[in-house]
């Protein structure tokens, strides 16, 4: 498992501090939770869509 906002591997126990927007739940995730790869993120008026090259699309 990886942090969706920083890309850090959560199994190692080290976690970077998230931005205030990410802590408040206002930002779209930038990293895939399954593999830690950077995702392509599109913001639209109704929310966001993120696509991982390995795991496909995530919507929020």
PDB file of N, CA and C in Angstrom:
ATOM      1  N   UNK A   1       0.842  -1.187   0.000  1.00  0.00           N
ATOM      2  CA  UNK A   1       0.000   0.000   0.000  1.00  0.00           C
ATOM      3  C   UNK A   1       0.885   1.247   0.000  1.00  0.00           C
ATOM      4  N   UNK A   2       0.457   2.228  -0.772  1.00  0.00           N
ATOM      5  CA  UNK A   2       1.182   3.480  -0.906  1.00  0.00           C
ATOM      6  C   UNK A   2       0.272   4.645  -0.571  1.00  0.00           C
ATOM      7  N   UNK A   3       0.848   5.716  -0.054  1.00  0.00           N
ATOM      8  CA  UNK A   3       0.087   6.917   0.253  1.00  0.00           C
ATOM      9  C   UNK A   3      -0.320   7.575  -1.067  1.00  0.00           C
ATOM     10  N   UNK A   4      -1.623   7.851  -1.279  1.00  0.00           N
ATOM     11  CA  UNK A   4      -2.064   8.400  -2.555  1.00  0.00           C
ATOM     12  C   UNK A   4      -1.681   9.867  -2.778  1.00  0.00           C
ATOM     13  N   UNK A   5      -1.212  10.539  -1.751  1.00  0.00           N
ATOM     14  CA  UNK A   5      -0.855  11.954  -1.888  1.00  0.00           C
ATOM     15  C   UNK A   5       0.645  12.202  -1.922  1.00  0.00           C
ATOM     16  N   UNK A   6       1.428  11.294  -1.359  1.00  0.00           N
ATOM     17  CA  UNK A   6       2.887  11.479  -1.344  1.00  0.00           C
ATOM     18  C   UNK A   6       3.636  10.381  -2.090  1.00  0.00           C
ATOM     19  N   UNK A   7       3.000   9.232  -2.308  1.00  0.00           N
ATOM     20  CA  UNK A   7       3.641   8.122  -2.995  1.00  0.00           C
ATOM     21  C   UNK A   7       4.548   7.283  -2.113  1.00  0.00           C
ATOM     22  N   UNK A   8       4.600   7.561  -0.823  1.00  0.00           N
ATOM     23  CA  UNK A   8       5.450   6.815   0.105  1.00  0.00           C
ATOM     24  C   UNK A   8       4.900   5.415   0.361  1.00  0.00           C
ATOM     25  N   UNK A   9       5.788   4.449   0.503  1.00  0.00           N
ATOM     26  CA  UNK A   9       5.421   3.071   0.830  1.00  0.00           C
ATOM     27  C   UNK A   9       5.028   3.022   2.308  1.00  0.00           C
ATOM     28  N   UNK A  10       3.756   2.732   2.594  1.00  0.00           N
ATOM     29  CA  UNK A  10       3.256   2.745   3.969  1.00  0.00           C
ATOM     30  C   UNK A  10       3.768   1.576   4.793  1.00  0.00           C
ATOM     31  N   UNK A  11       4.211   0.501   4.142  1.00  0.00           N
ATOM     32  CA  UNK A  11       4.707  -0.657   4.882  1.00  0.00           C
ATOM     33  C   UNK A  11       6.058  -0.373   5.549  1.00  0.00           C
ATOM     34  N   UNK A  12       6.772   0.659   5.096  1.00  0.00           N
ATOM     35  CA  UNK A  12       8.064   0.998   5.696  1.00  0.00           C
ATOM     36  C   UNK A  12       7.930   1.822   6.974  1.00  0.00           C
ATOM     37  N   UNK A  13       6.732   2.362   7.210  1.00  0.00           N
ATOM     38  CA  UNK A  13       6.501   3.120   8.429  1.00  0.00           C
ATOM     39  C   UNK A  13       6.909   4.579   8.352  1.00  0.00           C
ATOM     40  N   UNK A  14       7.504   4.992   7.241  1.00  0.00           N
ATOM     41  CA  UNK A  14       7.867   6.393   7.066  1.00  0.00           C
ATOM     42  C   UNK A  14       6.792   7.061   6.217  1.00  0.00           C
ATOM     43  N   UNK A  15       6.292   8.195   6.687  1.00  0.00           N
ATOM     44  CA  UNK A  15       5.261   8.904   5.946  1.00  0.00           C
ATOM     45  C   UNK A  15       5.609  10.379   5.894  1.00  0.00           C
ATOM     46  N   UNK A  16       5.647  10.937   4.675  1.00  0.00           N
ATOM     47  CA  UNK A  16       5.853  12.373   4.523  1.00  0.00           C
ATOM     48  C   UNK A  16       4.592  13.095   4.979  1.00  0.00           C
ATOM     49  N   UNK A  17       4.756  14.318   5.418  1.00  0.00           N
ATOM     50  CA  UNK A  17       3.603  15.105   5.821  1.00  0.00           C
ATOM     51  C   UNK A  17       2.832  15.537   4.586  1.00  0.00           C
ATOM     52  N   UNK A  18       1.516  15.396   4.645  1.00  0.00           N
ATOM     53  CA  UNK A  18       0.655  15.794   3.532  1.00  0.00           C
ATOM     54  C   UNK A  18       0.427  17.300   3.556  1.00  0.00           C
ATOM     55  N   UNK A  19       0.056  17.839   2.424  1.00  0.00           N
ATOM     56  CA  UNK A  19      -0.260  19.263   2.340  1.00  0.00           C
ATOM     57  C   UNK A  19      -1.568  19.528   3.092  1.00  0.00           C
ATOM     58  N   UNK A  20      -1.825  20.777   3.482  1.00  0.00           N
ATOM     59  CA  UNK A  20      -3.083  21.082   4.179  1.00  0.00           C
ATOM     60  C   UNK A  20      -4.315  20.714   3.349  1.00  0.00           C
ATOM     61  N   UNK A  21      -4.266  20.917   2.035  1.00  0.00           N
ATOM     62  CA  UNK A  21      -5.391  20.557   1.172  1.00  0.00           C
ATOM     63  C   UNK A  21      -5.645  19.063   1.138  1.00  0.00           C
ATOM     64  N   UNK A  22      -4.583  18.279   1.110  1.00  0.00           N
ATOM     65  CA  UNK A  22      -4.726  16.820   1.110  1.00  0.00           C
ATOM     66  C   UNK A  22      -5.262  16.335   2.453  1.00  0.00           C
ATOM     67  N   UNK A  23      -4.780  16.923   3.537  1.00  0.00           N
ATOM     68  CA  UNK A  23      -5.290  16.542   4.866  1.00  0.00           C
ATOM     69  C   UNK A  23      -6.776  16.861   4.998  1.00  0.00           C
ATOM     70  N   UNK A  24      -7.235  17.939   4.353  1.00  0.00           N
ATOM     71  CA  UNK A  24      -8.642  18.330   4.421  1.00  0.00           C
ATOM     72  C   UNK A  24      -9.508  17.560   3.429  1.00  0.00           C
ATOM     73  N   UNK A  25      -8.890  16.754   2.557  1.00  0.00           N
ATOM     74  CA  UNK A  25      -9.636  15.991   1.571  1.00  0.00           C
ATOM     75  C   UNK A  25     -10.044  16.801   0.351  1.00  0.00           C
ATOM     76  N   UNK A  26      -9.359  17.913   0.094  1.00  0.00           N
ATOM     77  CA  UNK A  26      -9.709  18.785  -1.016  1.00  0.00           C
ATOM     78  C   UNK A  26      -8.897  18.531  -2.275  1.00  0.00           C
ATOM     79  N   UNK A  27      -7.852  17.725  -2.204  1.00  0.00           N
ATOM     80  CA  UNK A  27      -7.002  17.446  -3.364  1.00  0.00           C
ATOM     81  C   UNK A  27      -7.274  16.049  -3.903  1.00  0.00           C
ATOM     82  N   UNK A  28      -7.072  15.899  -5.206  1.00  0.00           N
ATOM     83  CA  UNK A  28      -7.165  14.575  -5.818  1.00  0.00           C
ATOM     84  C   UNK A  28      -5.880  13.807  -5.522  1.00  0.00           C
ATOM     85  N   UNK A  29      -5.958  12.488  -5.378  1.00  0.00           N
ATOM     86  CA  UNK A  29      -4.738  11.707  -5.168  1.00  0.00           C
ATOM     87  C   UNK A  29      -3.849  11.775  -6.400  1.00  0.00           C
ATOM     88  N   UNK A  30      -2.540  11.785  -6.203  1.00  0.00           N
ATOM     89  CA  UNK A  30      -1.590  11.894  -7.308  1.00  0.00           C
ATOM     90  C   UNK A  30      -0.829  10.602  -7.560  1.00  0.00           C
ATOM     91  N   UNK A  31      -0.882   9.656  -6.629  1.00  0.00           N
ATOM     92  CA  UNK A  31      -0.145   8.392  -6.750  1.00  0.00           C
ATOM     93  C   UNK A  31      -1.102   7.220  -6.574  1.00  0.00           C
ATOM     94  N   UNK A  32      -0.858   6.139  -7.289  1.00  0.00           N
ATOM     95  CA  UNK A  32      -1.670   4.931  -7.185  1.00  0.00           C
ATOM     96  C   UNK A  32      -1.430   4.271  -5.825  1.00  0.00           C
ATOM     97  N   UNK A  33      -2.512   3.897  -5.147  1.00  0.00           N
ATOM     98  CA  UNK A  33      -2.382   3.244  -3.845  1.00  0.00           C
ATOM     99  C   UNK A  33      -1.845   1.825  -3.967  1.00  0.00           C
ATOM    100  N   UNK A  34      -1.999   1.196  -5.118  1.00  0.00           N
ATOM    101  CA  UNK A  34      -1.552  -0.182  -5.296  1.00  0.00           C
ATOM    102  C   UNK A  34      -0.074  -0.296  -5.634  1.00  0.00           C
ATOM    103  N   UNK A  35       0.429   0.617  -6.500  1.00  0.00           N
ATOM    104  CA  UNK A  35       1.811   0.460  -6.967  1.00  0.00           C
ATOM    105  C   UNK A  35       2.706   1.678  -6.690  1.00  0.00           C
ATOM    106  N   UNK A  36       2.132   2.801  -6.302  1.00  0.00           N
ATOM    107  CA  UNK A  36       2.930   3.988  -5.984  1.00  0.00           C
ATOM    108  C   UNK A  36       3.342   4.802  -7.196  1.00  0.00           C
ATOM    109  N   UNK A  37       2.867   4.427  -8.394  1.00  0.00           N
ATOM    110  CA  UNK A  37       3.207   5.187  -9.598  1.00  0.00           C
ATOM    111  C   UNK A  37       2.412   6.483  -9.655  1.00  0.00           C
ATOM    112  N   UNK A  38       2.999   7.492 -10.267  1.00  0.00           N
ATOM    113  CA  UNK A  38       2.331   8.769 -10.466  1.00  0.00           C
ATOM    114  C   UNK A  38       1.199   8.570 -11.474  1.00  0.00           C
ATOM    115  N   UNK A  39       0.026   9.143 -11.186  1.00  0.00           N
ATOM    116  CA  UNK A  39      -1.135   8.986 -12.053  1.00  0.00           C
ATOM    117  C   UNK A  39      -1.381  10.261 -12.852  1.00  0.00           C
ATOM    118  N   UNK A  40      -2.093  10.106 -13.953  1.00  0.00           N
ATOM    119  CA  UNK A  40      -2.579  11.245 -14.730  1.00  0.00           C
ATOM    120  C   UNK A  40      -3.895  11.656 -14.086  1.00  0.00           C
ATOM    121  N   UNK A  41      -4.000  12.924 -13.662  1.00  0.00           N
ATOM    122  CA  UNK A  41      -5.185  13.396 -12.948  1.00  0.00           C
ATOM    123  C   UNK A  41      -5.856  14.495 -13.753  1.00  0.00           C
ATOM    124  N   UNK A  42      -7.189  14.359 -13.927  1.00  0.00           N
ATOM    125  CA  UNK A  42      -7.969  15.385 -14.594  1.00  0.00           C
ATOM    126  C   UNK A  42      -9.008  15.910 -13.609  1.00  0.00           C
ATOM    127  N   UNK A  43      -9.009  17.220 -13.415  1.00  0.00           N
ATOM    128  CA  UNK A  43      -9.965  17.868 -12.524  1.00  0.00           C
ATOM    129  C   UNK A  43     -11.100  18.413 -13.377  1.00  0.00           C
ATOM    130  N   UNK A  44     -12.334  18.157 -12.961  1.00  0.00           N
ATOM    131  CA  UNK A  44     -13.488  18.708 -13.665  1.00  0.00           C
ATOM    132  C   UNK A  44     -14.442  19.317 -12.635  1.00  0.00           C
ATOM    133  N   UNK A  45     -15.474  20.041 -13.061  1.00  0.00           N
ATOM    134  CA  UNK A  45     -16.382  20.689 -12.110  1.00  0.00           C
ATOM    135  C   UNK A  45     -17.110  19.733 -11.165  1.00  0.00           C
ATOM    136  N   UNK A  46     -17.249  18.480 -11.563  1.00  0.00           N
ATOM    137  CA  UNK A  46     -17.971  17.508 -10.741  1.00  0.00           C
ATOM    138  C   UNK A  46     -17.067  16.659  -9.864  1.00  0.00           C
ATOM    139  N   UNK A  47     -15.754  16.835  -9.931  1.00  0.00           N
ATOM    140  CA  UNK A  47     -14.828  16.026  -9.134  1.00  0.00           C
ATOM    141  C   UNK A  47     -13.510  15.863  -9.840  1.00  0.00           C
ATOM    142  N   UNK A  48     -12.999  14.633  -9.880  1.00  0.00           N
ATOM    143  CA  UNK A  48     -11.714  14.348 -10.516  1.00  0.00           C
ATOM    144  C   UNK A  48     -11.706  12.923 -11.047  1.00  0.00           C
ATOM    145  N   UNK A  49     -10.798  12.667 -11.970  1.00  0.00           N
ATOM    146  CA  UNK A  49     -10.545  11.333 -12.502  1.00  0.00           C
ATOM    147  C   UNK A  49      -9.043  11.130 -12.529  1.00  0.00           C
ATOM    148  N   UNK A  50      -8.583   9.996 -12.052  1.00  0.00           N
ATOM    149  CA  UNK A  50      -7.155   9.695 -12.049  1.00  0.00           C
ATOM    150  C   UNK A  50      -6.952   8.342 -12.739  1.00  0.00           C
ATOM    151  N   UNK A  51      -5.879   8.246 -13.535  1.00  0.00           N
ATOM    152  CA  UNK A  51      -5.606   7.018 -14.260  1.00  0.00           C
ATOM    153  C   UNK A  51      -4.197   6.539 -13.990  1.00  0.00           C
ATOM    154  N   UNK A  52      -4.070   5.308 -13.527  1.00  0.00           N
ATOM    155  CA  UNK A  52      -2.778   4.662 -13.328  1.00  0.00           C
ATOM    156  C   UNK A  52      -2.479   3.854 -14.585  1.00  0.00           C
ATOM    157  N   UNK A  53      -1.229   3.889 -15.050  1.00  0.00           N
ATOM    158  CA  UNK A  53      -0.874   3.153 -16.252  1.00  0.00           C
ATOM    159  C   UNK A  53      -0.994   1.641 -16.061  1.00  0.00           C
ATOM    160  N   UNK A  54      -0.950   1.163 -14.824  1.00  0.00           N
ATOM    161  CA  UNK A  54      -1.038  -0.276 -14.547  1.00  0.00           C
ATOM    162  C   UNK A  54      -2.431  -0.724 -14.069  1.00  0.00           C
ATOM    163  N   UNK A  55      -3.120   0.139 -13.296  1.00  0.00           N
ATOM    164  CA  UNK A  55      -4.348  -0.280 -12.633  1.00  0.00           C
ATOM    165  C   UNK A  55      -5.622   0.411 -13.130  1.00  0.00           C
ATOM    166  N   UNK A  56      -5.493   1.270 -14.132  1.00  0.00           N
ATOM    167  CA  UNK A  56      -6.690   1.868 -14.727  1.00  0.00           C
ATOM    168  C   UNK A  56      -7.178   3.112 -14.009  1.00  0.00           C
ATOM    169  N   UNK A  57      -8.465   3.379 -14.202  1.00  0.00           N
ATOM    170  CA  UNK A  57      -9.067   4.639 -13.771  1.00  0.00           C
ATOM    171  C   UNK A  57      -9.689   4.565 -12.376  1.00  0.00           C
ATOM    172  N   UNK A  58      -9.535   5.676 -11.654  1.00  0.00           N
ATOM    173  CA  UNK A  58     -10.144   5.867 -10.336  1.00  0.00           C
ATOM    174  C   UNK A  58     -10.912   7.170 -10.425  1.00  0.00           C
ATOM    175  N   UNK A  59     -12.122   7.250  -9.915  1.00  0.00           N
ATOM    176  CA  UNK A  59     -12.901   8.492  -9.952  1.00  0.00           C
ATOM    177  C   UNK A  59     -13.301   8.890  -8.543  1.00  0.00           C
ATOM    178  N   UNK A  60     -13.445  10.172  -8.356  1.00  0.00           N
ATOM    179  CA  UNK A  60     -13.843  10.663  -7.033  1.00  0.00           C
ATOM    180  C   UNK A  60     -14.645  11.926  -7.114  1.00  0.00           C
TER     181      UNK A  60
END
